[in-house]
Each structure stands twice: as C-alpha cells, then as structure tokens.
Amino acid sequence: EQKDGFRGYNLQKCKVCGLTVHERCYGMSLTKSKNLDFVCKACASIGTKVEVNKPSILGTSSRSKEQIRVQERPTECVLCDVRDGIHAMHPLFDTHGPEGRQLVISA
C-alpha cells in the first residue's frame, strides 16, 4: 500500500472519533498498512483511572497522589489554541522519570 500524508508518512484514523494522525508525529511504529482498530490516545483514555501528583505542578513531584477517572474525551489543548473539537491530544507529565504523573491543568 502506498503511504500518504506529509513526507509520505502513513496516516492512521481513530475508529472512535475519526481523528487522522501521522504515525511518526504521533509516536507510533511506522507501518505500510492501515490499522482499522487504531484508537487515539484521547479516546483510549476514556474510562481509565489516572494517578496524578497532588498538587499537579509542572516540573515537580509530590508525595501526595490522587486517582482521577477520565470521563470524556478531552477537547481543549494546553499546548496550542485549540479549545474544542477533535485534536491529536498527547498526555503531559509533570516531571521526567518514574516519579512523573500525568499533568492535570485546571480550567
């Protein structure tokens, strides 16, 4: 199958929300075919529990941990100006290494 998209990178489409991502840009292994079961990170997070540091502050770790359940697909991006709709969301972590927990940013 011929590759498509930017610089010939293969595109994958989320079967839940329809988001299309470049494999390389999204941090996936490069393939030569479409994965009909691909689910983006945002859709895959729905219903999962995420352990976060409390308070959740960028660049720090905390002894206090809290678990939160992801209730719906996030639509607001803290890295760019997208405020609604479908967007290639990536989880952010508050610090590097094994102590890092997913960052939760208040609205």
Protein backbone atom coordinates (compact mmCIF):
# COMPACT_ATOMS: atom_id res chain seq x y z
CA GLU A 1 0.00 0.00 0.00
CA GLN A 2 1.31 3.46 -0.86
CA LYS A 3 1.98 5.77 2.06
CA ASP A 4 0.08 9.02 2.29
CA GLY A 5 0.34 12.29 4.14
CA PHE A 6 3.23 14.63 4.96
CA ARG A 7 6.58 13.41 3.56
CA GLY A 8 4.99 10.07 2.72
CA TYR A 9 4.25 9.11 6.33
CA ASN A 10 1.36 6.71 6.72
CA LEU A 11 -1.81 8.12 8.27
CA GLN A 12 -3.95 6.25 10.79
CA LYS A 13 -7.59 7.08 11.57
CA CYS A 14 -9.15 6.62 15.04
CA LYS A 15 -12.11 4.27 14.81
CA VAL A 16 -13.87 6.14 17.66
CA CYS A 17 -13.57 9.87 16.84
CA GLY A 18 -12.23 9.85 13.28
CA LEU A 19 -9.03 11.78 14.10
CA THR A 20 -6.31 11.18 11.49
CA VAL A 21 -2.67 11.26 12.64
CA HIS A 22 0.74 10.75 11.05
CA GLU A 23 2.33 7.66 12.56
CA ARG A 24 5.72 9.31 13.07
CA CYS A 25 4.26 12.55 14.51
CA TYR A 26 2.07 10.57 16.92
CA GLY A 27 4.96 8.43 18.15
CA MET A 28 3.76 5.19 16.57
CA SER A 29 5.78 2.47 14.89
CA LEU A 30 5.90 3.05 11.15
CA THR A 31 3.78 0.65 9.10
CA LYS A 32 2.83 0.08 5.48
CA SER A 33 -0.88 -0.51 6.07
CA LYS A 34 -3.93 0.93 7.79
CA ASN A 35 -4.77 -0.26 11.30
CA LEU A 36 -8.58 -0.49 11.29
CA ASP A 37 -8.52 -0.95 15.10
CA PHE A 38 -6.46 2.20 15.83
CA VAL A 39 -7.79 4.26 18.77
CA CYS A 40 -6.17 7.64 19.54
CA LYS A 41 -4.71 8.35 23.00
CA ALA A 42 -7.56 10.69 23.95
CA CYS A 43 -10.30 8.16 23.12
CA ALA A 44 -8.32 5.31 24.73
CA SER A 45 -8.14 7.30 27.98
CA ILE A 46 -11.93 7.42 28.44
CA GLY A 47 -12.96 5.37 31.47
CA THR A 48 -9.42 4.87 32.73
CA LYS A 49 -8.02 5.92 36.09
CA VAL A 50 -5.01 8.23 36.03
CA GLU A 51 -2.72 8.72 39.03
CA VAL A 52 -1.68 12.35 39.42
CA ASN A 53 0.52 14.20 41.86
CA LYS A 54 -1.43 16.48 44.19
CA PRO A 55 -0.93 19.33 43.63
CA SER A 56 -0.22 18.78 39.92
CA ILE A 57 2.54 21.31 39.18
CA LEU A 58 4.80 21.20 36.13
CA GLY A 59 8.39 20.21 36.96
CA THR A 60 7.69 18.87 40.44
CA SER A 61 6.73 15.63 42.12
CA SER A 62 4.63 15.24 45.23
CA ARG A 63 4.33 12.61 47.93
CA SER A 64 0.57 13.02 47.77
CA LYS A 65 -1.09 11.10 44.92
CA GLU A 66 -4.66 11.14 43.71
CA GLN A 67 -6.50 8.95 41.22
CA ILE A 68 -8.96 10.54 38.82
CA ARG A 69 -11.19 8.84 36.24
CA VAL A 70 -11.26 10.24 32.71
CA GLN A 71 -14.98 10.75 31.99
CA GLU A 72 -14.91 12.06 28.41
CA ARG A 73 -12.57 12.75 25.52
CA PRO A 74 -10.59 15.94 26.23
CA THR A 75 -11.15 18.67 23.64
CA GLU A 76 -9.10 21.60 24.97
CA CYS A 77 -5.35 21.56 24.30
CA VAL A 78 -2.97 23.22 26.77
CA LEU A 79 -0.18 23.29 24.17
CA CYS A 80 -1.93 25.23 21.41
CA ASP A 81 -5.03 27.36 20.89
CA VAL A 82 -7.46 24.52 20.08
CA ARG A 83 -10.38 24.89 22.51
CA ASP A 84 -12.92 22.40 21.16
CA GLY A 85 -13.44 19.63 18.64
CA ILE A 86 -11.19 16.76 17.67
CA HIS A 87 -7.44 17.27 18.14
CA ALA A 88 -4.39 14.98 18.44
CA MET A 89 -4.13 15.11 22.22
CA HIS A 90 -0.99 13.79 23.94
CA PRO A 91 -0.77 13.18 27.68
CA LEU A 92 1.54 15.57 29.54
CA PHE A 93 3.60 14.56 32.54
CA ASP A 94 4.53 16.83 35.44
CA THR A 95 8.14 15.66 35.69
CA HIS A 96 10.60 13.36 33.93
CA GLY A 97 11.30 9.81 35.06
CA PRO A 98 9.47 7.21 37.15
CA GLU A 99 8.08 9.82 39.57
CA GLY A 100 6.27 11.63 36.75
CA ARG A 101 2.48 11.56 36.80
CA GLN A 102 0.03 12.76 34.21
CA LEU A 103 -0.40 16.52 34.50
CA VAL A 104 -3.84 17.87 35.26
CA ILE A 105 -4.30 21.55 34.46
CA SER A 106 -7.23 23.40 35.96
CA ALA A 107 -9.55 25.28 33.65
